[in-house]
Amino acid sequence: MKTHWETHRDKLLGTKISRLGLNLGAPPLSRRIAALYRELAGAGIRFRPPCYFSDAWGCPDLTPLIGIPFYLARPDLSRLHREMGYDVEDRPSVMRLLRHEAGHALCYAYRLYRRRDWREVFGPFRKAYSDHYVPNPFSSRHVTHAKHYYAQKHPDEDFAEAFAVWLAPRSGWRKIYAGTPAIRKLLYVQDIVGEIRAMSPAVRSGKKDVPVEEMRFTLLEYYGLTPEAHRRETAAYRDEILRKLFSAEASPRSVSARRFMRLHGPLLIERISFWSGLDRSDVKRLLHGFTRMAARLRLRVAEGRSRSTLIDLASLLTFFVHTYIHTKRISLH
């Protein structure tokens, strides 16, 4: 017999996203947007970027609108999103992303990217944009705000990240970035906001990118499979991977995979988080997922294979971290 949630979830999966009746004025999201507007007001900025529901975070090209993922509209949609293996942003993450997108919106509303001084500080706005970039964890030329050293991706992102750090209450940016090249960018944000704060924006609206009103397909079509099918596929996939990485044969000098990963876990988490820019908690969650599954399968590290297994494990974790960065999905829950 199905639970109340399973019955409701089945109904949700058969509903077109455009007919979900989503409301930006519903809490808790409405409180996050209101908090962003209060921060902008506190900084003396008159402009309030309008928000709308879309399939992902973002601002349409050169348009001062903030797209917010539809799954943040209601708790039931967030729960379904998690069951499909995707992350759902918590309150601090939502605020970081709202500030970031507000930076884009401000840049587009006042056409800051056209200014020579903007280009001198952040670089050419028309630089080719690519989702595949190689960040430098040691860079002091960029702020660190969102995950994956995102400010290093493109001049447009560099400005948005600098604005987000500057806007965030109690960020301590003057102290944190004092004596680094990144302080120039933060001071530029402060100066440019002082210049435009009382001005009316040159651009106020534009075409929305993938608004929910145009998402005329069901949630099942959006996700591609049911949560049960996702769990079955994930279980088969993860078990196959772990059996290749570890051994099922026990010997007097072999070590359980669970003990092996607990022993080397802290170092793996620290190093992978540092080089990828992913939060330690996300890497830790991924490794703990491996640990639980390996324990269930009673897998072991064969005698004399510790070093090669550690290399393989680090490589495998890095692969899944890379996948997570681009899809926001960790399929090994």
C-alpha atoms as a PDB file:
ATOM      1  CA  MET A   1       0.000   0.000   0.000  1.00  0.00           C
ATOM      2  CA  LYS A   2       1.348   3.406  -0.963  1.00  0.00           C
ATOM      3  CA  THR A   3       2.088   6.049   1.640  1.00  0.00           C
ATOM      4  CA  HIS A   4       0.501   9.483   1.509  1.00  0.00           C
ATOM      5  CA  TRP A   5       3.742  10.881   0.138  1.00  0.00           C
ATOM      6  CA  GLU A   6       4.014   8.236  -2.583  1.00  0.00           C
ATOM      7  CA  THR A   7       0.455   8.921  -3.716  1.00  0.00           C
ATOM      8  CA  HIS A   8       1.103  12.650  -3.797  1.00  0.00           C
ATOM      9  CA  ARG A   9       4.424  12.123  -5.562  1.00  0.00           C
ATOM     10  CA  ASP A  10       2.799  10.046  -8.305  1.00  0.00           C
ATOM     11  CA  LYS A  11       0.303  12.833  -8.866  1.00  0.00           C
ATOM     12  CA  LEU A  12       3.124  15.356  -9.010  1.00  0.00           C
ATOM     13  CA  LEU A  13       5.064  13.311 -11.559  1.00  0.00           C
ATOM     14  CA  GLY A  14       2.055  13.314 -13.871  1.00  0.00           C
ATOM     15  CA  THR A  15       1.577  17.084 -13.625  1.00  0.00           C
ATOM     16  CA  LYS A  16       2.926  19.526 -16.186  1.00  0.00           C
ATOM     17  CA  ILE A  17       5.360  21.985 -14.606  1.00  0.00           C
ATOM     18  CA  SER A  18       3.495  24.881 -16.193  1.00  0.00           C
ATOM     19  CA  ARG A  19       0.392  23.823 -14.237  1.00  0.00           C
ATOM     20  CA  LEU A  20       1.950  23.513 -10.788  1.00  0.00           C
ATOM     21  CA  GLY A  21       0.643  26.938  -9.789  1.00  0.00           C
ATOM     22  CA  LEU A  22       3.958  28.122  -8.363  1.00  0.00           C
ATOM     23  CA  ASN A  23       3.991  31.322  -6.333  1.00  0.00           C
ATOM     24  CA  LEU A  24       7.031  33.497  -5.608  1.00  0.00           C
ATOM     25  CA  GLY A  25       5.169  34.965  -2.660  1.00  0.00           C
ATOM     26  CA  ALA A  26       5.067  31.668  -0.752  1.00  0.00           C
ATOM     27  CA  PRO A  27       7.526  31.044   2.099  1.00  0.00           C
ATOM     28  CA  PRO A  28      10.252  30.167   2.672  1.00  0.00           C
ATOM     29  CA  LEU A  29      11.516  31.387  -0.717  1.00  0.00           C
ATOM     30  CA  SER A  30       9.654  34.678  -0.399  1.00  0.00           C
ATOM     31  CA  ARG A  31      11.628  35.380   2.770  1.00  0.00           C
ATOM     32  CA  ARG A  32      14.911  34.784   0.954  1.00  0.00           C
ATOM     33  CA  ILE A  33      13.974  37.199  -1.832  1.00  0.00           C
ATOM     34  CA  ALA A  34      12.836  39.769   0.728  1.00  0.00           C
ATOM     35  CA  ALA A  35      16.178  39.368   2.523  1.00  0.00           C
ATOM     36  CA  LEU A  36      18.030  40.050  -0.751  1.00  0.00           C
ATOM     37  CA  TYR A  37      15.968  43.197  -1.334  1.00  0.00           C
ATOM     38  CA  ARG A  38      16.718  44.367   2.219  1.00  0.00           C
ATOM     39  CA  GLU A  39      20.421  43.886   1.621  1.00  0.00           C
ATOM     40  CA  LEU A  40      20.209  45.885  -1.605  1.00  0.00           C
ATOM     41  CA  ALA A  41      18.287  48.628   0.191  1.00  0.00           C
ATOM     42  CA  GLY A  42      20.844  48.610   2.985  1.00  0.00           C
ATOM     43  CA  ALA A  43      23.561  49.176   0.388  1.00  0.00           C
ATOM     44  CA  GLY A  44      21.600  52.119  -0.999  1.00  0.00           C
ATOM     45  CA  ILE A  45      20.734  50.356  -4.252  1.00  0.00           C
ATOM     46  CA  ARG A  46      17.298  51.320  -5.597  1.00  0.00           C
ATOM     47  CA  PHE A  47      17.115  48.583  -8.203  1.00  0.00           C
ATOM     48  CA  ARG A  48      15.234  45.404  -7.236  1.00  0.00           C
ATOM     49  CA  PRO A  49      15.824  42.682  -9.835  1.00  0.00           C
ATOM     50  CA  PRO A  50      12.543  40.863 -10.549  1.00  0.00           C
ATOM     51  CA  CYS A  51      12.555  37.100  -9.949  1.00  0.00           C
ATOM     52  CA  TYR A  52      10.772  34.314 -11.783  1.00  0.00           C
ATOM     53  CA  PHE A  53      10.687  30.511 -11.727  1.00  0.00           C
ATOM     54  CA  SER A  54      12.778  28.674 -14.285  1.00  0.00           C
ATOM     55  CA  ASP A  55      14.556  25.338 -14.665  1.00  0.00           C
ATOM     56  CA  ALA A  56      17.793  26.580 -13.092  1.00  0.00           C
ATOM     57  CA  TRP A  57      19.535  29.536 -11.488  1.00  0.00           C
ATOM     58  CA  GLY A  58      20.525  32.301 -13.855  1.00  0.00           C
ATOM     59  CA  CYS A  59      19.962  35.638 -15.526  1.00  0.00           C
ATOM     60  CA  PRO A  60      18.836  35.669 -19.164  1.00  0.00           C
ATOM     61  CA  ASP A  61      21.472  37.083 -21.500  1.00  0.00           C
ATOM     62  CA  LEU A  62      21.946  40.809 -20.721  1.00  0.00           C
ATOM     63  CA  THR A  63      18.550  40.852 -18.992  1.00  0.00           C
ATOM     64  CA  PRO A  64      18.199  42.012 -15.352  1.00  0.00           C
ATOM     65  CA  LEU A  65      15.946  39.181 -14.209  1.00  0.00           C
ATOM     66  CA  ILE A  66      16.750  36.400 -11.737  1.00  0.00           C
ATOM     67  CA  GLY A  67      15.679  32.876 -12.639  1.00  0.00           C
ATOM     68  CA  ILE A  68      15.123  30.605  -9.632  1.00  0.00           C
ATOM     69  CA  PRO A  69      14.779  26.799  -9.928  1.00  0.00           C
ATOM     70  CA  PHE A  70      11.153  25.736  -9.681  1.00  0.00           C
ATOM     71  CA  TYR A  71      11.916  22.965  -7.178  1.00  0.00           C
ATOM     72  CA  LEU A  72      12.576  25.632  -4.529  1.00  0.00           C
ATOM     73  CA  ALA A  73       8.970  26.839  -4.767  1.00  0.00           C
ATOM     74  CA  ARG A  74       7.506  24.186  -2.442  1.00  0.00           C
ATOM     75  CA  PRO A  75       8.740  21.569   0.032  1.00  0.00           C
ATOM     76  CA  ASP A  76       7.150  18.702  -1.929  1.00  0.00           C
ATOM     77  CA  LEU A  77       9.004  19.708  -5.107  1.00  0.00           C
ATOM     78  CA  SER A  78      12.258  19.973  -3.154  1.00  0.00           C
ATOM     79  CA  ARG A  79      11.720  16.522  -1.676  1.00  0.00           C
ATOM     80  CA  LEU A  80      11.069  15.023  -5.104  1.00  0.00           C
ATOM     81  CA  HIS A  81      14.200  16.721  -6.464  1.00  0.00           C
ATOM     82  CA  ARG A  82      16.265  15.117  -3.700  1.00  0.00           C
ATOM     83  CA  GLU A  83      14.741  11.703  -4.371  1.00  0.00           C
ATOM     84  CA  MET A  84      15.931  12.026  -7.958  1.00  0.00           C
ATOM     85  CA  GLY A  85      19.501  12.335  -6.670  1.00  0.00           C
ATOM     86  CA  TYR A  86      19.904  16.097  -6.997  1.00  0.00           C
ATOM     87  CA  ASP A  87      20.982  18.598  -4.384  1.00  0.00           C
ATOM     88  CA  VAL A  88      18.562  21.188  -3.046  1.00  0.00           C
ATOM     89  CA  GLU A  89      20.127  24.409  -1.836  1.00  0.00           C
ATOM     90  CA  ASP A  90      19.832  25.273   1.853  1.00  0.00           C
ATOM     91  CA  ARG A  91      19.172  28.807   3.105  1.00  0.00           C
ATOM     92  CA  PRO A  92      22.819  30.027   3.061  1.00  0.00           C
ATOM     93  CA  SER A  93      23.294  28.608  -0.444  1.00  0.00           C
ATOM     94  CA  VAL A  94      20.104  30.268  -1.707  1.00  0.00           C
ATOM     95  CA  MET A  95      21.264  33.622  -0.350  1.00  0.00           C
ATOM     96  CA  ARG A  96      24.708  33.242  -1.924  1.00  0.00           C
ATOM     97  CA  LEU A  97      23.122  32.450  -5.275  1.00  0.00           C
ATOM     98  CA  LEU A  98      20.616  35.302  -5.030  1.00  0.00           C
ATOM     99  CA  ARG A  99      23.432  37.764  -4.344  1.00  0.00           C
ATOM    100  CA  HIS A 100      25.416  36.364  -7.253  1.00  0.00           C
ATOM    101  CA  GLU A 101      22.510  36.634  -9.673  1.00  0.00           C
ATOM    102  CA  ALA A 102      21.748  40.120  -8.347  1.00  0.00           C
ATOM    103  CA  GLY A 103      25.292  41.040  -9.368  1.00  0.00           C
ATOM    104  CA  HIS A 104      24.573  39.904 -12.918  1.00  0.00           C
ATOM    105  CA  ALA A 105      21.243  41.748 -12.914  1.00  0.00           C
ATOM    106  CA  LEU A 106      22.861  44.970 -11.708  1.00  0.00           C
ATOM    107  CA  CYS A 107      25.578  44.671 -14.349  1.00  0.00           C
ATOM    108  CA  TYR A 108      22.980  44.205 -17.093  1.00  0.00           C
ATOM    109  CA  ALA A 109      20.509  46.797 -15.775  1.00  0.00           C
ATOM    110  CA  TYR A 110      23.128  49.554 -15.814  1.00  0.00           C
ATOM    111  CA  ARG A 111      25.134  48.121 -18.727  1.00  0.00           C
ATOM    112  CA  LEU A 112      28.284  48.198 -16.646  1.00  0.00           C
ATOM    113  CA  TYR A 113      29.958  45.689 -18.961  1.00  0.00           C
ATOM    114  CA  ARG A 114      30.149  48.447 -21.608  1.00  0.00           C
ATOM    115  CA  ARG A 115      32.353  50.639 -19.436  1.00  0.00           C
ATOM    116  CA  ARG A 116      36.053  50.834 -20.074  1.00  0.00           C
ATOM    117  CA  ASP A 117      36.899  50.868 -16.365  1.00  0.00           C
ATOM    118  CA  TRP A 118      34.781  47.702 -15.858  1.00  0.00           C
ATOM    119  CA  ARG A 119      36.749  45.920 -18.595  1.00  0.00           C
ATOM    120  CA  GLU A 120      40.045  47.144 -17.163  1.00  0.00           C
ATOM    121  CA  VAL A 121      39.208  45.589 -13.779  1.00  0.00           C
ATOM    122  CA  PHE A 122      37.407  42.389 -14.786  1.00  0.00           C
ATOM    123  CA  GLY A 123      38.421  41.736 -18.391  1.00  0.00           C
ATOM    124  CA  PRO A 124      36.612  41.611 -21.735  1.00  0.00           C
ATOM    125  CA  PHE A 125      32.917  40.901 -21.355  1.00  0.00           C
ATOM    126  CA  ARG A 126      32.817  39.369 -24.850  1.00  0.00           C
ATOM    127  CA  LYS A 127      35.416  36.753 -23.943  1.00  0.00           C
ATOM    128  CA  ALA A 128      34.337  33.279 -25.092  1.00  0.00           C
ATOM    129  CA  TYR A 129      32.230  31.605 -22.399  1.00  0.00           C
ATOM    130  CA  SER A 130      32.847  27.964 -21.581  1.00  0.00           C
ATOM    131  CA  ASP A 131      31.522  25.685 -18.850  1.00  0.00           C
ATOM    132  CA  HIS A 132      34.850  23.876 -18.883  1.00  0.00           C
ATOM    133  CA  TYR A 133      37.545  25.929 -17.187  1.00  0.00           C
ATOM    134  CA  VAL A 134      40.568  25.037 -15.104  1.00  0.00           C
ATOM    135  CA  PRO A 135      40.556  27.063 -11.861  1.00  0.00           C
ATOM    136  CA  ASN A 136      43.669  27.977  -9.915  1.00  0.00           C
ATOM    137  CA  PRO A 137      43.094  27.311  -6.194  1.00  0.00           C
ATOM    138  CA  PHE A 138      46.059  29.567  -5.361  1.00  0.00           C
ATOM    139  CA  SER A 139      44.772  32.616  -7.241  1.00  0.00           C
ATOM    140  CA  SER A 140      44.581  35.820  -5.200  1.00  0.00           C
ATOM    141  CA  ARG A 141      43.136  37.762  -8.132  1.00  0.00           C
ATOM    142  CA  HIS A 142      39.614  36.481  -7.524  1.00  0.00           C
ATOM    143  CA  VAL A 143      37.232  36.295  -4.589  1.00  0.00           C
ATOM    144  CA  THR A 144      36.052  32.937  -3.306  1.00  0.00           C
ATOM    145  CA  HIS A 145      32.307  32.946  -2.840  1.00  0.00           C
ATOM    146  CA  ALA A 146      30.430  30.164  -4.622  1.00  0.00           C
ATOM    147  CA  LYS A 147      31.776  26.689  -5.207  1.00  0.00           C
ATOM    148  CA  HIS A 148      34.349  25.640  -7.795  1.00  0.00           C
ATOM    149  CA  TYR A 149      36.264  28.984  -7.787  1.00  0.00           C
ATOM    150  CA  TYR A 150      33.473  30.314  -9.978  1.00  0.00           C
ATOM    151  CA  ALA A 151      34.872  33.849 -10.206  1.00  0.00           C
ATOM    152  CA  GLN A 152      37.645  32.466 -12.417  1.00  0.00           C
ATOM    153  CA  LYS A 153      35.214  31.222 -15.051  1.00  0.00           C
ATOM    154  CA  HIS A 154      34.564  34.472 -16.953  1.00  0.00           C
ATOM    155  CA  PRO A 155      34.732  38.269 -16.389  1.00  0.00           C
ATOM    156  CA  ASP A 156      30.934  38.336 -16.077  1.00  0.00           C
ATOM    157  CA  GLU A 157      31.095  35.750 -13.267  1.00  0.00           C
ATOM    158  CA  ASP A 158      34.068  37.536 -11.713  1.00  0.00           C
ATOM    159  CA  PHE A 159      32.009  40.706 -11.288  1.00  0.00           C
ATOM    160  CA  ALA A 160      28.951  38.829  -9.995  1.00  0.00           C
ATOM    161  CA  GLU A 161      31.034  37.008  -7.396  1.00  0.00           C
ATOM    162  CA  ALA A 162      32.781  40.209  -6.301  1.00  0.00           C
ATOM    163  CA  PHE A 163      29.410  41.922  -5.955  1.00  0.00           C
ATOM    164  CA  ALA A 164      28.039  39.007  -3.910  1.00  0.00           C
ATOM    165  CA  VAL A 165      30.982  39.121  -1.503  1.00  0.00           C
ATOM    166  CA  TRP A 166      30.707  42.918  -1.225  1.00  0.00           C
ATOM    167  CA  LEU A 167      26.942  42.766  -0.566  1.00  0.00           C
ATOM    168  CA  ALA A 168      26.924  39.915   1.955  1.00  0.00           C
ATOM    169  CA  PRO A 169      26.448  41.155   5.527  1.00  0.00           C
ATOM    170  CA  ARG A 170      29.477  40.703   7.757  1.00  0.00           C
ATOM    171  CA  SER A 171      31.550  39.187   4.955  1.00  0.00           C
ATOM    172  CA  GLY A 172      34.663  40.949   6.232  1.00  0.00           C
ATOM    173  CA  TRP A 173      35.921  41.446   2.691  1.00  0.00           C
ATOM    174  CA  ARG A 174      38.218  44.368   3.528  1.00  0.00           C
ATOM    175  CA  LYS A 175      40.171  42.256   6.007  1.00  0.00           C
ATOM    176  CA  ILE A 176      40.047  38.955   4.104  1.00  0.00           C
ATOM    177  CA  TYR A 177      41.225  40.378   0.779  1.00  0.00           C
ATOM    178  CA  ALA A 178      43.501  43.160   2.057  1.00  0.00           C
ATOM    179  CA  GLY A 179      46.812  43.194   0.185  1.00  0.00           C
ATOM    180  CA  THR A 180      45.570  40.932  -2.624  1.00  0.00           C
ATOM    181  CA  PRO A 181      44.736  41.855  -6.241  1.00  0.00           C
ATOM    182  CA  ALA A 182      41.113  40.871  -5.551  1.00  0.00           C
ATOM    183  CA  ILE A 183      40.666  43.925  -3.291  1.00  0.00           C
ATOM    184  CA  ARG A 184      40.752  46.133  -6.375  1.00  0.00           C
ATOM    185  CA  LYS A 185      37.651  44.408  -7.708  1.00  0.00           C
ATOM    186  CA  LEU A 186      35.764  44.772  -4.434  1.00  0.00           C
ATOM    187  CA  LEU A 187      36.674  48.448  -4.168  1.00  0.00           C
ATOM    188  CA  TYR A 188      35.523  48.913  -7.753  1.00  0.00           C
ATOM    189  CA  VAL A 189      32.163  47.377  -6.859  1.00  0.00           C
ATOM    190  CA  GLN A 190      31.865  49.795  -3.949  1.00  0.00           C
ATOM    191  CA  ASP A 191      32.758  52.793  -6.115  1.00  0.00           C
ATOM    192  CA  ILE A 192      30.464  51.852  -9.002  1.00  0.00           C
ATOM    193  CA  VAL A 193      27.532  51.203  -6.655  1.00  0.00           C
ATOM    194  CA  GLY A 194      28.104  54.628  -5.135  1.00  0.00           C
ATOM    195  CA  GLU A 195      27.930  56.104  -8.616  1.00  0.00           C
ATOM    196  CA  ILE A 196      24.767  54.336  -9.856  1.00  0.00           C
ATOM    197  CA  ARG A 197      22.777  53.749  -6.661  1.00  0.00           C
ATOM    198  CA  ALA A 198      20.497  56.738  -7.250  1.00  0.00           C
ATOM    199  CA  MET A 199      20.228  56.253 -11.011  1.00  0.00           C
ATOM    200  CA  SER A 200      17.380  54.571 -12.837  1.00  0.00           C
ATOM    201  CA  PRO A 201      18.465  51.411 -14.688  1.00  0.00           C
ATOM    202  CA  ALA A 202      18.921  51.605 -18.451  1.00  0.00           C
ATOM    203  CA  VAL A 203      17.385  48.132 -18.848  1.00  0.00           C
ATOM    204  CA  ARG A 204      14.445  47.047 -16.717  1.00  0.00           C
ATOM    205  CA  SER A 205      13.103  43.906 -18.356  1.00  0.00           C
ATOM    206  CA  GLY A 206      13.481  41.479 -21.210  1.00  0.00           C
ATOM    207  CA  LYS A 207      12.673  37.960 -22.326  1.00  0.00           C
ATOM    208  CA  LYS A 208      12.733  35.301 -19.629  1.00  0.00           C
ATOM    209  CA  ASP A 209      14.863  32.216 -20.206  1.00  0.00           C
ATOM    210  CA  VAL A 210      12.868  28.973 -19.763  1.00  0.00           C
ATOM    211  CA  PRO A 211      10.072  30.341 -17.557  1.00  0.00           C
ATOM    212  CA  VAL A 212       7.891  27.679 -15.949  1.00  0.00           C
ATOM    213  CA  GLU A 213       4.946  28.905 -18.032  1.00  0.00           C
ATOM    214  CA  GLU A 214       6.725  27.474 -21.067  1.00  0.00           C
ATOM    215  CA  MET A 215       7.660  24.179 -19.389  1.00  0.00           C
ATOM    216  CA  ARG A 216       4.691  22.283 -20.808  1.00  0.00           C
ATOM    217  CA  PHE A 217       5.901  18.824 -19.875  1.00  0.00           C
ATOM    218  CA  THR A 218       5.365  16.685 -16.806  1.00  0.00           C
ATOM    219  CA  LEU A 219       7.775  16.266 -13.951  1.00  0.00           C
ATOM    220  CA  LEU A 220       8.227  12.654 -14.997  1.00  0.00           C
ATOM    221  CA  GLU A 221       9.270  13.814 -18.466  1.00  0.00           C
ATOM    222  CA  TYR A 222      11.577  16.395 -16.892  1.00  0.00           C
ATOM    223  CA  TYR A 223      13.386  13.869 -14.693  1.00  0.00           C
ATOM    224  CA  GLY A 224      13.219  11.058 -17.230  1.00  0.00           C
ATOM    225  CA  LEU A 225      12.399   8.295 -14.739  1.00  0.00           C
ATOM    226  CA  THR A 226      10.639   7.610 -11.459  1.00  0.00           C
ATOM    227  CA  PRO A 227      12.466   7.722  -8.102  1.00  0.00           C
ATOM    228  CA  GLU A 228      12.175   3.911  -7.862  1.00  0.00           C
ATOM    229  CA  ALA A 229      13.747   3.459 -11.297  1.00  0.00           C
ATOM    230  CA  HIS A 230      16.474   5.942 -10.354  1.00  0.00           C
ATOM    231  CA  ARG A 231      17.268   3.982  -7.188  1.00  0.00           C
ATOM    232  CA  ARG A 232      17.403   0.682  -9.079  1.00  0.00           C
ATOM    233  CA  GLU A 233      19.722   2.084 -11.750  1.00  0.00           C
ATOM    234  CA  THR A 234      21.904   3.778  -9.142  1.00  0.00           C
ATOM    235  CA  ALA A 235      22.178   0.640  -6.994  1.00  0.00           C
ATOM    236  CA  ALA A 236      23.259  -1.515  -9.940  1.00  0.00           C
ATOM    237  CA  TYR A 237      25.734   1.117 -11.159  1.00  0.00           C
ATOM    238  CA  ARG A 238      27.334   1.799  -7.778  1.00  0.00           C
ATOM    239  CA  ASP A 239      27.665  -1.892  -6.865  1.00  0.00           C
ATOM    240  CA  GLU A 240      29.403  -2.604 -10.161  1.00  0.00           C
ATOM    241  CA  ILE A 241      31.863   0.250  -9.611  1.00  0.00           C
ATOM    242  CA  LEU A 242      32.711  -0.774  -6.058  1.00  0.00           C
ATOM    243  CA  ARG A 243      33.246  -4.414  -7.009  1.00  0.00           C
ATOM    244  CA  LYS A 244      35.792  -3.249  -9.589  1.00  0.00           C
ATOM    245  CA  LEU A 245      37.536  -1.047  -7.049  1.00  0.00           C
ATOM    246  CA  PHE A 246      37.646  -3.508  -4.165  1.00  0.00           C
ATOM    247  CA  SER A 247      37.724  -7.267  -3.678  1.00  0.00           C
ATOM    248  CA  ALA A 248      35.093  -9.650  -2.368  1.00  0.00           C
ATOM    249  CA  GLU A 249      37.693 -12.181  -1.265  1.00  0.00           C
ATOM    250  CA  ALA A 250      38.713 -12.210   2.375  1.00  0.00           C
ATOM    251  CA  SER A 251      42.218 -13.146   3.460  1.00  0.00           C
ATOM    252  CA  PRO A 252      44.052 -12.927   6.793  1.00  0.00           C
ATOM    253  CA  ARG A 253      45.936  -9.765   5.768  1.00  0.00           C
ATOM    254  CA  SER A 254      43.235  -8.021   3.776  1.00  0.00           C
ATOM    255  CA  VAL A 255      41.518  -4.901   5.162  1.00  0.00           C
ATOM    256  CA  SER A 256      37.826  -4.088   5.004  1.00  0.00           C
ATOM    257  CA  ALA A 257      37.006  -1.379   2.461  1.00  0.00           C
ATOM    258  CA  ARG A 258      35.031   0.421   5.156  1.00  0.00           C
ATOM    259  CA  ARG A 259      38.060   0.650   7.459  1.00  0.00           C
ATOM    260  CA  PHE A 260      40.316   1.605   4.544  1.00  0.00           C
ATOM    261  CA  MET A 261      38.106   4.538   3.520  1.00  0.00           C
ATOM    262  CA  ARG A 262      37.712   5.737   7.093  1.00  0.00           C
ATOM    263  CA  LEU A 263      41.491   5.686   7.507  1.00  0.00           C
ATOM    264  CA  HIS A 264      42.235   7.682   4.355  1.00  0.00           C
ATOM    265  CA  GLY A 265      38.998   9.688   4.260  1.00  0.00           C
ATOM    266  CA  PRO A 266      40.148  12.916   5.975  1.00  0.00           C
ATOM    267  CA  LEU A 267      43.081  13.392   3.590  1.00  0.00           C
ATOM    268  CA  LEU A 268      40.998  12.540   0.515  1.00  0.00           C
ATOM    269  CA  ILE A 269      38.274  14.972   1.554  1.00  0.00           C
ATOM    270  CA  GLU A 270      40.758  17.777   2.227  1.00  0.00           C
ATOM    271  CA  ARG A 271      42.714  17.384  -1.016  1.00  0.00           C
ATOM    272  CA  ILE A 272      39.768  16.821  -3.366  1.00  0.00           C
ATOM    273  CA  SER A 273      37.870  19.732  -1.832  1.00  0.00           C
ATOM    274  CA  PHE A 274      40.905  22.011  -2.180  1.00  0.00           C
ATOM    275  CA  TRP A 275      41.599  21.242  -5.828  1.00  0.00           C
ATOM    276  CA  SER A 276      37.973  21.115  -6.982  1.00  0.00           C
ATOM    277  CA  GLY A 277      36.579  24.024  -4.974  1.00  0.00           C
ATOM    278  CA  LEU A 278      33.715  21.803  -3.819  1.00  0.00           C
ATOM    279  CA  ASP A 279      32.607  22.132  -0.208  1.00  0.00           C
ATOM    280  CA  ARG A 280      34.212  19.603   2.129  1.00  0.00           C
ATOM    281  CA  SER A 281      30.741  18.529   3.263  1.00  0.00           C
ATOM    282  CA  ASP A 282      29.817  17.508  -0.295  1.00  0.00           C
ATOM    283  CA  VAL A 283      32.997  15.458  -0.775  1.00  0.00           C
ATOM    284  CA  LYS A 284      32.508  13.921   2.662  1.00  0.00           C
ATOM    285  CA  ARG A 285      28.944  12.954   1.805  1.00  0.00           C
ATOM    286  CA  LEU A 286      30.085  11.306  -1.400  1.00  0.00           C
ATOM    287  CA  LEU A 287      32.850   9.343   0.357  1.00  0.00           C
ATOM    288  CA  HIS A 288      30.496   8.264   3.133  1.00  0.00           C
ATOM    289  CA  GLY A 289      28.122   6.949   0.498  1.00  0.00           C
ATOM    290  CA  PHE A 290      30.916   4.789  -0.897  1.00  0.00           C
ATOM    291  CA  THR A 291      31.797   3.628   2.614  1.00  0.00           C
ATOM    292  CA  ARG A 292      28.260   2.517   3.478  1.00  0.00           C
ATOM    293  CA  MET A 293      27.823   0.648   0.216  1.00  0.00           C
ATOM    294  CA  ALA A 294      31.194  -1.090   0.423  1.00  0.00           C
ATOM    295  CA  ALA A 295      30.342  -2.224   3.967  1.00  0.00           C
ATOM    296  CA  ARG A 296      27.011  -3.604   2.797  1.00  0.00           C
ATOM    297  CA  LEU A 297      28.744  -5.567   0.030  1.00  0.00           C
ATOM    298  CA  ARG A 298      31.445  -6.732   2.514  1.00  0.00           C
ATOM    299  CA  LEU A 299      34.224  -5.607   0.193  1.00  0.00           C
ATOM    300  CA  ARG A 300      37.888  -5.606   1.132  1.00  0.00           C
ATOM    301  CA  VAL A 301      41.272  -4.276   0.041  1.00  0.00           C
ATOM    302  CA  ALA A 302      43.454  -7.153  -1.039  1.00  0.00           C
ATOM    303  CA  GLU A 303      46.892  -7.630   0.483  1.00  0.00           C
ATOM    304  CA  GLY A 304      49.521  -5.529  -1.297  1.00  0.00           C
ATOM    305  CA  ARG A 305      46.880  -3.419  -3.079  1.00  0.00           C
ATOM    306  CA  SER A 306      46.572  -0.522  -0.621  1.00  0.00           C
ATOM    307  CA  ARG A 307      48.526   2.030  -2.638  1.00  0.00           C
ATOM    308  CA  SER A 308      46.921   1.272  -6.008  1.00  0.00           C
ATOM    309  CA  THR A 309      43.456   1.109  -4.407  1.00  0.00           C
ATOM    310  CA  LEU A 310      43.985   4.513  -2.797  1.00  0.00           C
ATOM    311  CA  ILE A 311      44.949   5.999  -6.167  1.00  0.00           C
ATOM    312  CA  ASP A 312      41.921   4.398  -7.807  1.00  0.00           C
ATOM    313  CA  LEU A 313      39.633   5.641  -5.038  1.00  0.00           C
ATOM    314  CA  ALA A 314      40.963   9.208  -5.299  1.00  0.00           C
ATOM    315  CA  SER A 315      40.511   9.134  -9.069  1.00  0.00           C
ATOM    316  CA  LEU A 316      36.981   7.763  -8.768  1.00  0.00           C
ATOM    317  CA  LEU A 317      35.988  10.389  -6.213  1.00  0.00           C
ATOM    318  CA  THR A 318      37.440  13.118  -8.432  1.00  0.00           C
ATOM    319  CA  PHE A 319      35.380  11.823 -11.358  1.00  0.00           C
ATOM    320  CA  PHE A 320      32.163  11.984  -9.349  1.00  0.00           C
ATOM    321  CA  VAL A 321      33.058  15.419  -7.989  1.00  0.00           C
ATOM    322  CA  HIS A 322      33.553  16.618 -11.570  1.00  0.00           C
ATOM    323  CA  THR A 323      30.191  15.121 -12.517  1.00  0.00           C
ATOM    324  CA  TYR A 324      28.548  16.831  -9.549  1.00  0.00           C
ATOM    325  CA  ILE A 325      30.023  20.216 -10.475  1.00  0.00           C
ATOM    326  CA  HIS A 326      28.374  20.047 -13.887  1.00  0.00           C
ATOM    327  CA  THR A 327      25.090  18.302 -13.002  1.00  0.00           C
ATOM    328  CA  LYS A 328      24.511  19.106  -9.284  1.00  0.00           C
ATOM    329  CA  ARG A 329      23.785  15.421  -8.949  1.00  0.00           C
ATOM    330  CA  ILE A 330      25.524  12.772  -6.894  1.00  0.00           C
ATOM    331  CA  SER A 331      24.120   9.431  -7.916  1.00  0.00           C
ATOM    332  CA  LEU A 332      25.598   7.387  -5.100  1.00  0.00           C
ATOM    333  CA  HIS A 333      23.239   8.209  -2.220  1.00  0.00           C
END
